[in-house]
Amino acid sequence: MARAHQAQDVDPFVATECLRSALSQAGIVLPSLAVDAGSPTLGLVELGRVRADVAKRLAEALRQGGEK
């Protein structure tokens, strides 16, 4: 229950820009990254579609982050 409440406390616009910045530092661009305007009360972030090579680089960046 606390998790759902915490999700609502995060501004989706701030979260989107934080994610865009972190991805950029890893050399990854998600062209469709945006706030989901269709469900404003849920605070969803739309990641969009990516090419397979971008998905693989994203997975590798996540793995490297977990090794620190």
PDB file of N, CA and C in Angstrom:
ATOM      1  N   MET A   1       0.812  -1.193   0.000  1.00  0.00           N
ATOM      2  CA  MET A   1       0.000   0.000   0.000  1.00  0.00           C
ATOM      3  C   MET A   1       0.863   1.267   0.000  1.00  0.00           C
ATOM      4  N   ALA A   2       1.925   1.260   0.793  1.00  0.00           N
ATOM      5  CA  ALA A   2       2.813   2.424   0.860  1.00  0.00           C
ATOM      6  C   ALA A   2       3.488   2.684  -0.477  1.00  0.00           C
ATOM      7  N   ARG A   3       3.738   1.623  -1.219  1.00  0.00           N
ATOM      8  CA  ARG A   3       4.386   1.795  -2.520  1.00  0.00           C
ATOM      9  C   ARG A   3       3.544   2.615  -3.483  1.00  0.00           C
ATOM     10  N   ALA A   4       2.250   2.341  -3.556  1.00  0.00           N
ATOM     11  CA  ALA A   4       1.365   3.091  -4.444  1.00  0.00           C
ATOM     12  C   ALA A   4       1.336   4.557  -4.034  1.00  0.00           C
ATOM     13  N   HIS A   5       1.340   4.816  -2.735  1.00  0.00           N
ATOM     14  CA  HIS A   5       1.328   6.188  -2.253  1.00  0.00           C
ATOM     15  C   HIS A   5       2.623   6.896  -2.647  1.00  0.00           C
ATOM     16  N   GLN A   6       3.744   6.222  -2.519  1.00  0.00           N
ATOM     17  CA  GLN A   6       5.025   6.820  -2.881  1.00  0.00           C
ATOM     18  C   GLN A   6       5.077   7.158  -4.364  1.00  0.00           C
ATOM     19  N   ALA A   7       4.513   6.310  -5.203  1.00  0.00           N
ATOM     20  CA  ALA A   7       4.526   6.554  -6.643  1.00  0.00           C
ATOM     21  C   ALA A   7       3.797   7.843  -6.973  1.00  0.00           C
ATOM     22  N   GLN A   8       2.750   8.152  -6.258  1.00  0.00           N
ATOM     23  CA  GLN A   8       1.993   9.367  -6.517  1.00  0.00           C
ATOM     24  C   GLN A   8       2.740  10.613  -6.063  1.00  0.00           C
ATOM     25  N   ASP A   9       3.701  10.449  -5.168  1.00  0.00           N
ATOM     26  CA  ASP A   9       4.468  11.582  -4.671  1.00  0.00           C
ATOM     27  C   ASP A   9       5.556  12.026  -5.643  1.00  0.00           C
ATOM     28  N   VAL A  10       5.837  11.238  -6.656  1.00  0.00           N
ATOM     29  CA  VAL A  10       6.892  11.551  -7.619  1.00  0.00           C
ATOM     30  C   VAL A  10       6.293  12.263  -8.822  1.00  0.00           C
ATOM     31  N   ASP A  11       6.821  13.437  -9.127  1.00  0.00           N
ATOM     32  CA  ASP A  11       6.357  14.196 -10.288  1.00  0.00           C
ATOM     33  C   ASP A  11       6.826  13.473 -11.552  1.00  0.00           C
ATOM     34  N   PRO A  12       5.915  13.065 -12.430  1.00  0.00           N
ATOM     35  CA  PRO A  12       6.319  12.324 -13.621  1.00  0.00           C
ATOM     36  C   PRO A  12       7.198  13.142 -14.569  1.00  0.00           C
ATOM     37  N   PHE A  13       7.053  14.451 -14.566  1.00  0.00           N
ATOM     38  CA  PHE A  13       7.891  15.293 -15.421  1.00  0.00           C
ATOM     39  C   PHE A  13       9.334  15.301 -14.906  1.00  0.00           C
ATOM     40  N   VAL A  14       9.480  15.375 -13.593  1.00  0.00           N
ATOM     41  CA  VAL A  14      10.812  15.330 -12.989  1.00  0.00           C
ATOM     42  C   VAL A  14      11.428  13.949 -13.215  1.00  0.00           C
ATOM     43  N   ALA A  15      10.635  12.914 -13.014  1.00  0.00           N
ATOM     44  CA  ALA A  15      11.127  11.548 -13.205  1.00  0.00           C
ATOM     45  C   ALA A  15      11.571  11.323 -14.642  1.00  0.00           C
ATOM     46  N   THR A  16      10.812  11.843 -15.589  1.00  0.00           N
ATOM     47  CA  THR A  16      11.151  11.699 -17.002  1.00  0.00           C
ATOM     48  C   THR A  16      12.485  12.370 -17.311  1.00  0.00           C
ATOM     49  N   GLU A  17      12.676  13.569 -16.801  1.00  0.00           N
ATOM     50  CA  GLU A  17      13.922  14.280 -17.071  1.00  0.00           C
ATOM     51  C   GLU A  17      15.106  13.627 -16.362  1.00  0.00           C
ATOM     52  N   CYS A  18      14.888  13.096 -15.165  1.00  0.00           N
ATOM     53  CA  CYS A  18      15.957  12.367 -14.464  1.00  0.00           C
ATOM     54  C   CYS A  18      16.373  11.142 -15.263  1.00  0.00           C
ATOM     55  N   LEU A  19      15.388  10.415 -15.771  1.00  0.00           N
ATOM     56  CA  LEU A  19      15.671   9.227 -16.571  1.00  0.00           C
ATOM     57  C   LEU A  19      16.358   9.607 -17.877  1.00  0.00           C
ATOM     58  N   ARG A  20      15.868  10.657 -18.534  1.00  0.00           N
ATOM     59  CA  ARG A  20      16.482  11.108 -19.799  1.00  0.00           C
ATOM     60  C   ARG A  20      17.952  11.471 -19.579  1.00  0.00           C
ATOM     61  N   SER A  21      18.240  12.154 -18.476  1.00  0.00           N
ATOM     62  CA  SER A  21      19.607  12.549 -18.167  1.00  0.00           C
ATOM     63  C   SER A  21      20.494  11.331 -17.898  1.00  0.00           C
ATOM     64  N   ALA A  22      19.998  10.397 -17.107  1.00  0.00           N
ATOM     65  CA  ALA A  22      20.780   9.192 -16.796  1.00  0.00           C
ATOM     66  C   ALA A  22      21.033   8.361 -18.040  1.00  0.00           C
ATOM     67  N   LEU A  23      20.025   8.229 -18.882  1.00  0.00           N
ATOM     68  CA  LEU A  23      20.190   7.482 -20.129  1.00  0.00           C
ATOM     69  C   LEU A  23      21.194   8.182 -21.040  1.00  0.00           C
ATOM     70  N   SER A  24      21.123   9.491 -21.093  1.00  0.00           N
ATOM     71  CA  SER A  24      22.046  10.257 -21.930  1.00  0.00           C
ATOM     72  C   SER A  24      23.486  10.048 -21.483  1.00  0.00           C
ATOM     73  N   GLN A  25      23.712  10.006 -20.185  1.00  0.00           N
ATOM     74  CA  GLN A  25      25.062   9.771 -19.663  1.00  0.00           C
ATOM     75  C   GLN A  25      25.572   8.393 -20.064  1.00  0.00           C
ATOM     76  N   ALA A  26      24.649   7.460 -20.273  1.00  0.00           N
ATOM     77  CA  ALA A  26      25.028   6.108 -20.700  1.00  0.00           C
ATOM     78  C   ALA A  26      25.055   5.997 -22.222  1.00  0.00           C
ATOM     79  N   GLY A  27      24.807   7.118 -22.923  1.00  0.00           N
ATOM     80  CA  GLY A  27      24.815   7.111 -24.386  1.00  0.00           C
ATOM     81  C   GLY A  27      23.572   6.500 -24.993  1.00  0.00           C
ATOM     82  N   ILE A  28      22.473   6.549 -24.264  1.00  0.00           N
ATOM     83  CA  ILE A  28      21.222   5.932 -24.719  1.00  0.00           C
ATOM     84  C   ILE A  28      20.158   7.003 -24.873  1.00  0.00           C
ATOM     85  N   VAL A  29      19.447   6.958 -25.995  1.00  0.00           N
ATOM     86  CA  VAL A  29      18.352   7.885 -26.252  1.00  0.00           C
ATOM     87  C   VAL A  29      17.086   7.083 -26.500  1.00  0.00           C
ATOM     88  N   LEU A  30      16.039   7.390 -25.739  1.00  0.00           N
ATOM     89  CA  LEU A  30      14.717   6.817 -25.993  1.00  0.00           C
ATOM     90  C   LEU A  30      13.872   7.941 -26.598  1.00  0.00           C
ATOM     91  N   PRO A  31      13.717   7.955 -27.921  1.00  0.00           N
ATOM     92  CA  PRO A  31      13.039   9.072 -28.582  1.00  0.00           C
ATOM     93  C   PRO A  31      11.614   9.308 -28.104  1.00  0.00           C
ATOM     94  N   SER A  32      10.931   8.284 -27.663  1.00  0.00           N
ATOM     95  CA  SER A  32       9.533   8.421 -27.256  1.00  0.00           C
ATOM     96  C   SER A  32       9.360   8.650 -25.762  1.00  0.00           C
ATOM     97  N   LEU A  33      10.442   8.846 -25.028  1.00  0.00           N
ATOM     98  CA  LEU A  33      10.366   9.048 -23.582  1.00  0.00           C
ATOM     99  C   LEU A  33       9.564  10.307 -23.289  1.00  0.00           C
ATOM    100  N   ALA A  34       8.468  10.151 -22.532  1.00  0.00           N
ATOM    101  CA  ALA A  34       7.605  11.286 -22.233  1.00  0.00           C
ATOM    102  C   ALA A  34       6.653  10.930 -21.099  1.00  0.00           C
ATOM    103  N   VAL A  35       6.046  11.945 -20.535  1.00  0.00           N
ATOM    104  CA  VAL A  35       4.997  11.725 -19.542  1.00  0.00           C
ATOM    105  C   VAL A  35       3.761  11.251 -20.287  1.00  0.00           C
ATOM    106  N   ASP A  36       3.074  10.256 -19.744  1.00  0.00           N
ATOM    107  CA  ASP A  36       1.852   9.739 -20.338  1.00  0.00           C
ATOM    108  C   ASP A  36       0.707  10.680 -20.008  1.00  0.00           C
ATOM    109  N   ALA A  37       0.338  11.512 -20.970  1.00  0.00           N
ATOM    110  CA  ALA A  37      -0.715  12.506 -20.759  1.00  0.00           C
ATOM    111  C   ALA A  37      -2.097  11.882 -20.649  1.00  0.00           C
ATOM    112  N   GLY A  38      -2.239  10.633 -21.067  1.00  0.00           N
ATOM    113  CA  GLY A  38      -3.539   9.978 -21.048  1.00  0.00           C
ATOM    114  C   GLY A  38      -3.992   9.504 -19.682  1.00  0.00           C
ATOM    115  N   SER A  39      -3.096   9.512 -18.721  1.00  0.00           N
ATOM    116  CA  SER A  39      -3.463   9.066 -17.369  1.00  0.00           C
ATOM    117  C   SER A  39      -2.754   9.914 -16.326  1.00  0.00           C
ATOM    118  N   PRO A  40      -3.108  11.190 -16.244  1.00  0.00           N
ATOM    119  CA  PRO A  40      -2.381  12.114 -15.372  1.00  0.00           C
ATOM    120  C   PRO A  40      -2.423  11.758 -13.881  1.00  0.00           C
ATOM    121  N   THR A  41      -3.487  11.146 -13.432  1.00  0.00           N
ATOM    122  CA  THR A  41      -3.576  10.819 -12.007  1.00  0.00           C
ATOM    123  C   THR A  41      -2.673   9.656 -11.616  1.00  0.00           C
ATOM    124  N   LEU A  42      -2.255   8.855 -12.591  1.00  0.00           N
ATOM    125  CA  LEU A  42      -1.378   7.721 -12.302  1.00  0.00           C
ATOM    126  C   LEU A  42       0.097   8.100 -12.304  1.00  0.00           C
ATOM    127  N   GLY A  43       0.447   9.214 -12.931  1.00  0.00           N
ATOM    128  CA  GLY A  43       1.840   9.646 -12.990  1.00  0.00           C
ATOM    129  C   GLY A  43       2.726   8.696 -13.771  1.00  0.00           C
ATOM    130  N   LEU A  44       2.223   8.201 -14.896  1.00  0.00           N
ATOM    131  CA  LEU A  44       2.977   7.242 -15.694  1.00  0.00           C
ATOM    132  C   LEU A  44       3.973   7.927 -16.629  1.00  0.00           C
ATOM    133  N   VAL A  45       5.083   7.242 -16.862  1.00  0.00           N
ATOM    134  CA  VAL A  45       6.097   7.707 -17.818  1.00  0.00           C
ATOM    135  C   VAL A  45       6.098   6.716 -18.973  1.00  0.00           C
ATOM    136  N   GLU A  46       5.938   7.230 -20.178  1.00  0.00           N
ATOM    137  CA  GLU A  46       5.921   6.414 -21.391  1.00  0.00           C
ATOM    138  C   GLU A  46       7.349   6.252 -21.886  1.00  0.00           C
ATOM    139  N   LEU A  47       7.817   5.011 -21.914  1.00  0.00           N
ATOM    140  CA  LEU A  47       9.178   4.752 -22.390  1.00  0.00           C
ATOM    141  C   LEU A  47       9.224   4.619 -23.902  1.00  0.00           C
ATOM    142  N   GLY A  48       8.147   4.185 -24.504  1.00  0.00           N
ATOM    143  CA  GLY A  48       8.069   4.086 -25.950  1.00  0.00           C
ATOM    144  C   GLY A  48       8.777   2.872 -26.508  1.00  0.00           C
ATOM    145  N   ARG A  49       8.848   2.835 -27.804  1.00  0.00           N
ATOM    146  CA  ARG A  49       9.513   1.719 -28.492  1.00  0.00           C
ATOM    147  C   ARG A  49      10.945   2.089 -28.804  1.00  0.00           C
ATOM    148  N   VAL A  50      11.801   1.055 -28.807  1.00  0.00           N
ATOM    149  CA  VAL A  50      13.215   1.262 -29.149  1.00  0.00           C
ATOM    150  C   VAL A  50      13.679   0.133 -30.055  1.00  0.00           C
ATOM    151  N   ARG A  51      14.726   0.414 -30.807  1.00  0.00           N
ATOM    152  CA  ARG A  51      15.336  -0.633 -31.629  1.00  0.00           C
ATOM    153  C   ARG A  51      15.976  -1.671 -30.714  1.00  0.00           C
ATOM    154  N   ALA A  52      16.198  -2.846 -31.245  1.00  0.00           N
ATOM    155  CA  ALA A  52      16.783  -3.944 -30.468  1.00  0.00           C
ATOM    156  C   ALA A  52      18.171  -3.584 -29.943  1.00  0.00           C
ATOM    157  N   ASP A  53      18.966  -2.876 -30.741  1.00  0.00           N
ATOM    158  CA  ASP A  53      20.315  -2.519 -30.275  1.00  0.00           C
ATOM    159  C   ASP A  53      20.264  -1.551 -29.098  1.00  0.00           C
ATOM    160  N   VAL A  54      19.277  -0.674 -29.089  1.00  0.00           N
ATOM    161  CA  VAL A  54      19.128   0.266 -27.976  1.00  0.00           C
ATOM    162  C   VAL A  54      18.672  -0.483 -26.729  1.00  0.00           C
ATOM    163  N   ALA A  55      17.757  -1.413 -26.876  1.00  0.00           N
ATOM    164  CA  ALA A  55      17.298  -2.224 -25.744  1.00  0.00           C
ATOM    165  C   ALA A  55      18.465  -3.005 -25.141  1.00  0.00           C
ATOM    166  N   LYS A  56      19.333  -3.524 -25.998  1.00  0.00           N
ATOM    167  CA  LYS A  56      20.494  -4.283 -25.512  1.00  0.00           C
ATOM    168  C   LYS A  56      21.453  -3.366 -24.760  1.00  0.00           C
ATOM    169  N   ARG A  57      21.709  -2.158 -25.289  1.00  0.00           N
ATOM    170  CA  ARG A  57      22.588  -1.209 -24.598  1.00  0.00           C
ATOM    171  C   ARG A  57      21.988  -0.779 -23.264  1.00  0.00           C
ATOM    172  N   LEU A  58      20.675  -0.622 -23.221  1.00  0.00           N
ATOM    173  CA  LEU A  58      19.996  -0.267 -21.974  1.00  0.00           C
ATOM    174  C   LEU A  58      20.173  -1.373 -20.944  1.00  0.00           C
ATOM    175  N   ALA A  59      19.990  -2.604 -21.357  1.00  0.00           N
ATOM    176  CA  ALA A  59      20.177  -3.743 -20.461  1.00  0.00           C
ATOM    177  C   ALA A  59      21.620  -3.802 -19.945  1.00  0.00           C
ATOM    178  N   GLU A  60      22.581  -3.561 -20.821  1.00  0.00           N
ATOM    179  CA  GLU A  60      23.988  -3.577 -20.413  1.00  0.00           C
ATOM    180  C   GLU A  60      24.285  -2.457 -19.425  1.00  0.00           C
ATOM    181  N   ALA A  61      23.718  -1.281 -19.647  1.00  0.00           N
ATOM    182  CA  ALA A  61      23.932  -0.157 -18.732  1.00  0.00           C
ATOM    183  C   ALA A  61      23.334  -0.457 -17.369  1.00  0.00           C
ATOM    184  N   LEU A  62      22.178  -1.092 -17.340  1.00  0.00           N
ATOM    185  CA  LEU A  62      21.561  -1.460 -16.061  1.00  0.00           C
ATOM    186  C   LEU A  62      22.405  -2.482 -15.327  1.00  0.00           C
ATOM    187  N   ARG A  63      22.931  -3.448 -16.047  1.00  0.00           N
ATOM    188  CA  ARG A  63      23.791  -4.450 -15.420  1.00  0.00           C
ATOM    189  C   ARG A  63      25.056  -3.828 -14.846  1.00  0.00           C
ATOM    190  N   GLN A  64      25.657  -2.909 -15.579  1.00  0.00           N
ATOM    191  CA  GLN A  64      26.877  -2.260 -15.102  1.00  0.00           C
ATOM    192  C   GLN A  64      26.593  -1.432 -13.847  1.00  0.00           C
ATOM    193  N   GLY A  65      25.441  -0.801 -13.806  1.00  0.00           N
ATOM    194  CA  GLY A  65      25.062  -0.006 -12.638  1.00  0.00           C
ATOM    195  C   GLY A  65      24.887  -0.866 -11.409  1.00  0.00           C
ATOM    196  N   GLY A  66      24.449  -2.106 -11.586  1.00  0.00           N
ATOM    197  CA  GLY A  66      24.254  -3.004 -10.474  1.00  0.00           C
ATOM    198  C   GLY A  66      25.542  -3.591  -9.943  1.00  0.00           C
ATOM    199  N   GLU A  67      26.630  -3.485 -10.715  1.00  0.00           N
ATOM    200  CA  GLU A  67      27.912  -4.056 -10.317  1.00  0.00           C
ATOM    201  C   GLU A  67      28.743  -3.112  -9.479  1.00  0.00           C
ATOM    202  N   LYS A  68      28.318  -1.871  -9.355  1.00  0.00           N
ATOM    203  CA  LYS A  68      29.117  -0.868  -8.625  1.00  0.00           C
ATOM    204  C   LYS A  68      29.042  -1.082  -7.147  1.00  0.00           C
TER     205      LYS A  68
END
